[in-house]
Structure formats: structure tokens, C-alpha cells
Amino acid sequence: MDGLFTGIISSKTRINLLVRFFFNPGTKAYLRELAKDLHVSSNAVREELNQLTKTKLLTSEKDGRNVYYAANEKHPLFPELKSMVSKVMGLDKVIESILTRLGDLEKAYLIDDYAEGRDTGIIDLVLVGNIDQYHLSDLSRKTERYIKRKIRSLVLTREEFIAFKPKMENRPYFLVWERQENS
């Protein structure tokens, strides 16, 4: 995450929170969960959450004893921040370099850590379609060197994906690319 944000934002915790919430805007999280995931004190996270909520970049919602935070999709800077976070995470390059050049790709899902907005260094993708494995492997290696993250892909046919989909429901995921049918 160094580079783009570190020159603009001095707080590493704030950068991590922005990445967490703006990479996958549907993500909601509460204070202790964030402190544990980011490996920082809950006071440090609380301070940053208060600042981001005060500027209305994040929304907060109380549910029982926990206050859940999420990206404010109505904020005027939302599209720009989401785009910047995708660039920081390298996902824009993954999509551009891999997903659009694989042949008969139907859908691509981001799963697990990155789908939750956690930058663990391993990008897990589920690719649906008839894909050239050799080409995928070659493109993945080149993209990994560029973005300095590992890419793991699970390639499934449409039928295999239908069988796999219930297993995917129990883990974080979101659709990052889908072939548009010509009308």
C-alpha cells in the first residue's frame, strides 16, 4: 500500500481503513474486529474511525453493543476513492492484464481476504469460462511481478461454477468482471 496513499495520508491505520472500506464498499466492520485485523490498538482505530466518520467518508450504525462502519457511497469523493484504492491494491492491473485477455471468460469473482478489503498479498480469483490455462499462468506471473502480490486462480466451467456457488456463499466474494452480452 506504499506509494499512492502514503505521500498524501500520513496515518497507516487511516490508509488501511480506507482500503478496507473503499475496496469493497459493501463491507461493514466494527471497532474490535478492525483493530484485530489491522494489528493495531482499538484506540488508534477508534481515533481514525471518528475522523473518517466526522468527514462523512464513513457511515456508522449501531447494532446491539457494536457500532458498524461502512464506506459512505453517497459521499462526493466516493468514486474517486474507490478508484484510487483499486489502483493501490493493484486490482485494476489484474483486471486489465488478465481478465480481458483470457479467451472465453464469462465472470470473475474476487474471494476471501481481498473481497473483504484486506490486503494480505494474495489475490484469490474464481474465473468462470473456457480459459487457456497456459495463457492465464503467463499473464498471472507477469502481473504478479508488477503489482507485487500473488494471484491464485480457480478456473471453473459454467457447470462447475453452479456446483461451487453454494460453497462460495459462505465466504466473502464479489463480482469484479462479467462479460456483457451483445443485445
C-alpha atoms as a PDB file:
ATOM      1  CA  MET A   1       0.000   0.000   0.000  1.00  0.00           C
ATOM      2  CA  ASP A   2       3.017   2.257  -0.080  1.00  0.00           C
ATOM      3  CA  GLY A   3       3.203   4.870  -2.772  1.00  0.00           C
ATOM      4  CA  LEU A   4      -0.038   6.490  -3.788  1.00  0.00           C
ATOM      5  CA  PHE A   5      -1.605   6.992  -0.353  1.00  0.00           C
ATOM      6  CA  THR A   6       1.478   7.307   1.861  1.00  0.00           C
ATOM      7  CA  GLY A   7       2.507  10.538   0.189  1.00  0.00           C
ATOM      8  CA  ILE A   8      -0.943  12.001   0.830  1.00  0.00           C
ATOM      9  CA  ILE A   9      -2.018  10.389   4.123  1.00  0.00           C
ATOM     10  CA  SER A  10       0.453  10.014   6.970  1.00  0.00           C
ATOM     11  CA  SER A  11      -1.547   7.580   9.125  1.00  0.00           C
ATOM     12  CA  LYS A  12      -1.001   3.954   8.139  1.00  0.00           C
ATOM     13  CA  THR A  13      -4.118   2.999  10.119  1.00  0.00           C
ATOM     14  CA  ARG A  14      -6.208   5.514   8.146  1.00  0.00           C
ATOM     15  CA  ILE A  15      -4.816   4.162   4.865  1.00  0.00           C
ATOM     16  CA  ASN A  16      -5.686   0.614   5.926  1.00  0.00           C
ATOM     17  CA  LEU A  17      -9.214   1.663   6.886  1.00  0.00           C
ATOM     18  CA  LEU A  18      -9.763   3.455   3.564  1.00  0.00           C
ATOM     19  CA  VAL A  19      -8.530   0.402   1.676  1.00  0.00           C
ATOM     20  CA  ARG A  20     -10.712  -1.900   3.770  1.00  0.00           C
ATOM     21  CA  PHE A  21     -13.901   0.080   3.241  1.00  0.00           C
ATOM     22  CA  PHE A  22     -13.469   1.522  -0.253  1.00  0.00           C
ATOM     23  CA  PHE A  23     -12.080  -1.591  -1.939  1.00  0.00           C
ATOM     24  CA  ASN A  24     -15.309  -3.459  -1.280  1.00  0.00           C
ATOM     25  CA  PRO A  25     -17.877  -0.839  -0.271  1.00  0.00           C
ATOM     26  CA  GLY A  26     -20.395  -3.440   0.905  1.00  0.00           C
ATOM     27  CA  THR A  27     -18.076  -4.311   3.793  1.00  0.00           C
ATOM     28  CA  LYS A  28     -19.182  -3.422   7.319  1.00  0.00           C
ATOM     29  CA  ALA A  29     -16.952  -3.833  10.341  1.00  0.00           C
ATOM     30  CA  TYR A  30     -16.830  -2.861  13.994  1.00  0.00           C
ATOM     31  CA  LEU A  31     -14.015  -1.431  16.105  1.00  0.00           C
ATOM     32  CA  ARG A  32     -12.562  -4.565  17.749  1.00  0.00           C
ATOM     33  CA  GLU A  33     -12.731  -6.548  14.504  1.00  0.00           C
ATOM     34  CA  LEU A  34     -10.813  -3.799  12.698  1.00  0.00           C
ATOM     35  CA  ALA A  35      -8.214  -3.498  15.467  1.00  0.00           C
ATOM     36  CA  LYS A  36      -7.622  -7.254  15.352  1.00  0.00           C
ATOM     37  CA  ASP A  37      -7.415  -7.392  11.530  1.00  0.00           C
ATOM     38  CA  LEU A  38      -5.117  -4.357  11.290  1.00  0.00           C
ATOM     39  CA  HIS A  39      -2.962  -5.411  14.268  1.00  0.00           C
ATOM     40  CA  VAL A  40      -3.244  -2.034  15.988  1.00  0.00           C
ATOM     41  CA  SER A  41      -4.781  -0.841  19.236  1.00  0.00           C
ATOM     42  CA  SER A  42      -8.505  -0.210  19.382  1.00  0.00           C
ATOM     43  CA  ASN A  43      -7.750   3.389  20.497  1.00  0.00           C
ATOM     44  CA  ALA A  44      -5.775   4.045  17.302  1.00  0.00           C
ATOM     45  CA  VAL A  45      -8.589   2.589  15.188  1.00  0.00           C
ATOM     46  CA  ARG A  46     -11.257   4.499  17.162  1.00  0.00           C
ATOM     47  CA  GLU A  47      -9.458   7.800  16.566  1.00  0.00           C
ATOM     48  CA  GLU A  48      -9.261   7.203  12.800  1.00  0.00           C
ATOM     49  CA  LEU A  49     -12.853   5.946  12.583  1.00  0.00           C
ATOM     50  CA  ASN A  50     -14.011   9.116  14.375  1.00  0.00           C
ATOM     51  CA  GLN A  51     -12.112  11.305  11.883  1.00  0.00           C
ATOM     52  CA  LEU A  52     -13.411   9.399   8.850  1.00  0.00           C
ATOM     53  CA  THR A  53     -16.967   9.494  10.216  1.00  0.00           C
ATOM     54  CA  LYS A  54     -16.700  13.220  11.005  1.00  0.00           C
ATOM     55  CA  THR A  55     -15.680  13.904   7.377  1.00  0.00           C
ATOM     56  CA  LYS A  56     -18.581  11.657   6.298  1.00  0.00           C
ATOM     57  CA  LEU A  57     -16.309   9.297   4.328  1.00  0.00           C
ATOM     58  CA  LEU A  58     -17.644   6.513   6.558  1.00  0.00           C
ATOM     59  CA  THR A  59     -21.093   5.932   7.952  1.00  0.00           C
ATOM     60  CA  SER A  60     -21.771   4.328  11.317  1.00  0.00           C
ATOM     61  CA  GLU A  61     -24.720   2.292  12.517  1.00  0.00           C
ATOM     62  CA  LYS A  62     -25.300   0.845  15.971  1.00  0.00           C
ATOM     63  CA  ASP A  63     -26.407  -2.790  16.173  1.00  0.00           C
ATOM     64  CA  GLY A  64     -26.673  -4.074  19.714  1.00  0.00           C
ATOM     65  CA  ARG A  65     -23.430  -3.312  21.514  1.00  0.00           C
ATOM     66  CA  ASN A  66     -21.397  -2.810  18.334  1.00  0.00           C
ATOM     67  CA  VAL A  67     -21.137   0.179  16.041  1.00  0.00           C
ATOM     68  CA  TYR A  68     -20.628  -0.927  12.450  1.00  0.00           C
ATOM     69  CA  TYR A  69     -18.761   1.279   9.973  1.00  0.00           C
ATOM     70  CA  ALA A  70     -19.004   1.282   6.178  1.00  0.00           C
ATOM     71  CA  ALA A  71     -17.949   3.430   3.231  1.00  0.00           C
ATOM     72  CA  ASN A  72     -20.361   6.272   2.541  1.00  0.00           C
ATOM     73  CA  GLU A  73     -21.318   5.571  -1.064  1.00  0.00           C
ATOM     74  CA  LYS A  74     -23.161   8.913  -1.230  1.00  0.00           C
ATOM     75  CA  HIS A  75     -20.045  10.963  -0.454  1.00  0.00           C
ATOM     76  CA  PRO A  76     -18.956  13.109  -3.441  1.00  0.00           C
ATOM     77  CA  LEU A  77     -15.432  11.624  -3.301  1.00  0.00           C
ATOM     78  CA  PHE A  78     -16.640   8.015  -3.168  1.00  0.00           C
ATOM     79  CA  PRO A  79     -15.988   7.143  -6.868  1.00  0.00           C
ATOM     80  CA  GLU A  80     -12.507   8.673  -6.793  1.00  0.00           C
ATOM     81  CA  LEU A  81     -11.522   6.978  -3.527  1.00  0.00           C
ATOM     82  CA  LYS A  82     -12.815   3.620  -4.731  1.00  0.00           C
ATOM     83  CA  SER A  83     -10.777   4.010  -7.937  1.00  0.00           C
ATOM     84  CA  MET A  84      -7.649   5.045  -6.018  1.00  0.00           C
ATOM     85  CA  VAL A  85      -7.955   2.079  -3.653  1.00  0.00           C
ATOM     86  CA  SER A  86      -8.302  -0.320  -6.602  1.00  0.00           C
ATOM     87  CA  LYS A  87      -5.119   1.145  -8.074  1.00  0.00           C
ATOM     88  CA  VAL A  88      -3.273   0.869  -4.756  1.00  0.00           C
ATOM     89  CA  MET A  89      -4.344  -2.762  -4.395  1.00  0.00           C
ATOM     90  CA  GLY A  90      -3.314  -3.497  -7.984  1.00  0.00           C
ATOM     91  CA  LEU A  91      -6.727  -4.877  -8.873  1.00  0.00           C
ATOM     92  CA  ASP A  92      -7.084  -2.528 -11.825  1.00  0.00           C
ATOM     93  CA  LYS A  93      -3.960  -4.117 -13.371  1.00  0.00           C
ATOM     94  CA  VAL A  94      -5.188  -7.640 -12.628  1.00  0.00           C
ATOM     95  CA  ILE A  95      -8.437  -6.941 -14.414  1.00  0.00           C
ATOM     96  CA  GLU A  96      -6.783  -5.154 -17.316  1.00  0.00           C
ATOM     97  CA  SER A  97      -3.925  -7.621 -17.771  1.00  0.00           C
ATOM     98  CA  ILE A  98      -5.596 -10.924 -17.083  1.00  0.00           C
ATOM     99  CA  LEU A  99      -9.339 -10.900 -17.197  1.00  0.00           C
ATOM    100  CA  THR A 100      -9.787  -9.188 -20.537  1.00  0.00           C
ATOM    101  CA  ARG A 101      -7.323 -11.417 -22.455  1.00  0.00           C
ATOM    102  CA  LEU A 102      -8.217 -14.960 -21.495  1.00  0.00           C
ATOM    103  CA  GLY A 103     -10.483 -16.121 -24.247  1.00  0.00           C
ATOM    104  CA  ASP A 104     -13.991 -17.159 -23.335  1.00  0.00           C
ATOM    105  CA  LEU A 105     -14.205 -15.677 -19.832  1.00  0.00           C
ATOM    106  CA  GLU A 106     -17.772 -15.240 -18.556  1.00  0.00           C
ATOM    107  CA  LYS A 107     -17.305 -13.994 -14.980  1.00  0.00           C
ATOM    108  CA  ALA A 108     -14.561 -13.234 -12.499  1.00  0.00           C
ATOM    109  CA  TYR A 109     -15.037 -13.117  -8.733  1.00  0.00           C
ATOM    110  CA  LEU A 110     -12.682 -11.834  -6.086  1.00  0.00           C
ATOM    111  CA  ILE A 111     -12.938 -14.043  -2.982  1.00  0.00           C
ATOM    112  CA  ASP A 112     -11.703 -14.225   0.602  1.00  0.00           C
ATOM    113  CA  ASP A 113      -9.343 -11.581   2.064  1.00  0.00           C
ATOM    114  CA  TYR A 114      -9.329  -9.086  -0.810  1.00  0.00           C
ATOM    115  CA  ALA A 115     -13.106  -9.358  -1.105  1.00  0.00           C
ATOM    116  CA  GLU A 116     -13.216  -8.104   2.489  1.00  0.00           C
ATOM    117  CA  GLY A 117     -10.774  -5.328   1.654  1.00  0.00           C
ATOM    118  CA  ARG A 118      -7.807  -6.921   3.449  1.00  0.00           C
ATOM    119  CA  ASP A 119      -4.502  -6.619   1.618  1.00  0.00           C
ATOM    120  CA  THR A 120      -2.817  -9.905   2.544  1.00  0.00           C
ATOM    121  CA  GLY A 121      -0.642 -10.079  -0.555  1.00  0.00           C
ATOM    122  CA  ILE A 122      -2.581 -12.960  -2.128  1.00  0.00           C
ATOM    123  CA  ILE A 123      -5.392 -12.184  -4.572  1.00  0.00           C
ATOM    124  CA  ASP A 124      -7.823 -15.100  -4.900  1.00  0.00           C
ATOM    125  CA  LEU A 125      -9.923 -15.191  -8.068  1.00  0.00           C
ATOM    126  CA  VAL A 126     -12.652 -17.531  -9.284  1.00  0.00           C
ATOM    127  CA  LEU A 127     -12.776 -17.429 -13.087  1.00  0.00           C
ATOM    128  CA  VAL A 128     -15.754 -18.884 -14.938  1.00  0.00           C
ATOM    129  CA  GLY A 129     -15.486 -19.873 -18.586  1.00  0.00           C
ATOM    130  CA  ASN A 130     -13.322 -21.702 -21.080  1.00  0.00           C
ATOM    131  CA  ILE A 131      -9.892 -20.272 -20.301  1.00  0.00           C
ATOM    132  CA  ASP A 132      -6.462 -21.011 -21.701  1.00  0.00           C
ATOM    133  CA  GLN A 133      -4.568 -22.185 -18.578  1.00  0.00           C
ATOM    134  CA  TYR A 134      -1.135 -21.592 -20.108  1.00  0.00           C
ATOM    135  CA  HIS A 135      -2.050 -18.022 -21.068  1.00  0.00           C
ATOM    136  CA  LEU A 136      -3.554 -17.438 -17.596  1.00  0.00           C
ATOM    137  CA  SER A 137      -0.402 -18.676 -15.900  1.00  0.00           C
ATOM    138  CA  ASP A 138       1.846 -16.488 -18.061  1.00  0.00           C
ATOM    139  CA  LEU A 139      -0.282 -13.353 -17.558  1.00  0.00           C
ATOM    140  CA  SER A 140      -0.581 -14.023 -13.817  1.00  0.00           C
ATOM    141  CA  ARG A 141       3.203 -14.278 -13.403  1.00  0.00           C
ATOM    142  CA  LYS A 142       3.798 -11.024 -15.277  1.00  0.00           C
ATOM    143  CA  THR A 143       1.072  -9.197 -13.347  1.00  0.00           C
ATOM    144  CA  GLU A 144       2.343 -10.533 -10.002  1.00  0.00           C
ATOM    145  CA  ARG A 145       5.764  -9.025 -10.643  1.00  0.00           C
ATOM    146  CA  TYR A 146       4.175  -5.690 -11.500  1.00  0.00           C
ATOM    147  CA  ILE A 147       1.756  -5.459  -8.548  1.00  0.00           C
ATOM    148  CA  LYS A 148       3.987  -7.320  -6.042  1.00  0.00           C
ATOM    149  CA  ARG A 149       1.163  -9.627  -4.965  1.00  0.00           C
ATOM    150  CA  LYS A 150       0.452 -13.312  -5.567  1.00  0.00           C
ATOM    151  CA  ILE A 151      -2.533 -14.258  -7.725  1.00  0.00           C
ATOM    152  CA  ARG A 152      -4.302 -17.568  -7.147  1.00  0.00           C
ATOM    153  CA  SER A 153      -6.957 -18.544  -9.663  1.00  0.00           C
ATOM    154  CA  LEU A 154      -9.611 -21.218  -9.587  1.00  0.00           C
ATOM    155  CA  VAL A 155     -10.881 -21.807 -13.127  1.00  0.00           C
ATOM    156  CA  LEU A 156     -14.324 -23.371 -13.465  1.00  0.00           C
ATOM    157  CA  THR A 157     -16.649 -24.154 -16.341  1.00  0.00           C
ATOM    158  CA  ARG A 158     -20.188 -22.760 -16.062  1.00  0.00           C
ATOM    159  CA  GLU A 159     -21.418 -26.159 -14.819  1.00  0.00           C
ATOM    160  CA  GLU A 160     -18.621 -26.472 -12.251  1.00  0.00           C
ATOM    161  CA  PHE A 161     -19.351 -22.940 -11.041  1.00  0.00           C
ATOM    162  CA  ILE A 162     -23.023 -23.780 -10.484  1.00  0.00           C
ATOM    163  CA  ALA A 163     -21.919 -26.669  -8.237  1.00  0.00           C
ATOM    164  CA  PHE A 164     -19.276 -24.482  -6.495  1.00  0.00           C
ATOM    165  CA  LYS A 165     -21.513 -21.432  -5.893  1.00  0.00           C
ATOM    166  CA  PRO A 166     -23.078 -22.740  -2.621  1.00  0.00           C
ATOM    167  CA  LYS A 167     -19.550 -23.136  -1.144  1.00  0.00           C
ATOM    168  CA  MET A 168     -18.747 -19.584  -2.188  1.00  0.00           C
ATOM    169  CA  GLU A 169     -21.798 -18.246  -0.329  1.00  0.00           C
ATOM    170  CA  ASN A 170     -20.057 -18.986   2.990  1.00  0.00           C
ATOM    171  CA  ARG A 171     -17.057 -16.793   2.227  1.00  0.00           C
ATOM    172  CA  PRO A 172     -16.543 -13.169   1.253  1.00  0.00           C
ATOM    173  CA  TYR A 173     -16.772 -12.568  -2.503  1.00  0.00           C
ATOM    174  CA  PHE A 174     -17.861 -10.095  -5.101  1.00  0.00           C
ATOM    175  CA  LEU A 175     -18.155  -9.980  -8.855  1.00  0.00           C
ATOM    176  CA  VAL A 176     -15.302  -7.951 -10.401  1.00  0.00           C
ATOM    177  CA  TRP A 177     -15.947  -8.634 -14.076  1.00  0.00           C
ATOM    178  CA  GLU A 178     -18.728 -10.049 -16.214  1.00  0.00           C
ATOM    179  CA  ARG A 179     -18.874 -10.404 -19.973  1.00  0.00           C
ATOM    180  CA  GLN A 180     -21.523  -8.169 -21.429  1.00  0.00           C
ATOM    181  CA  GLU A 181     -23.786  -9.985 -23.878  1.00  0.00           C
ATOM    182  CA  ASN A 182     -24.443  -8.180 -27.139  1.00  0.00           C
ATOM    183  CA  SER A 183     -28.066  -7.149 -27.258  1.00  0.00           C
END
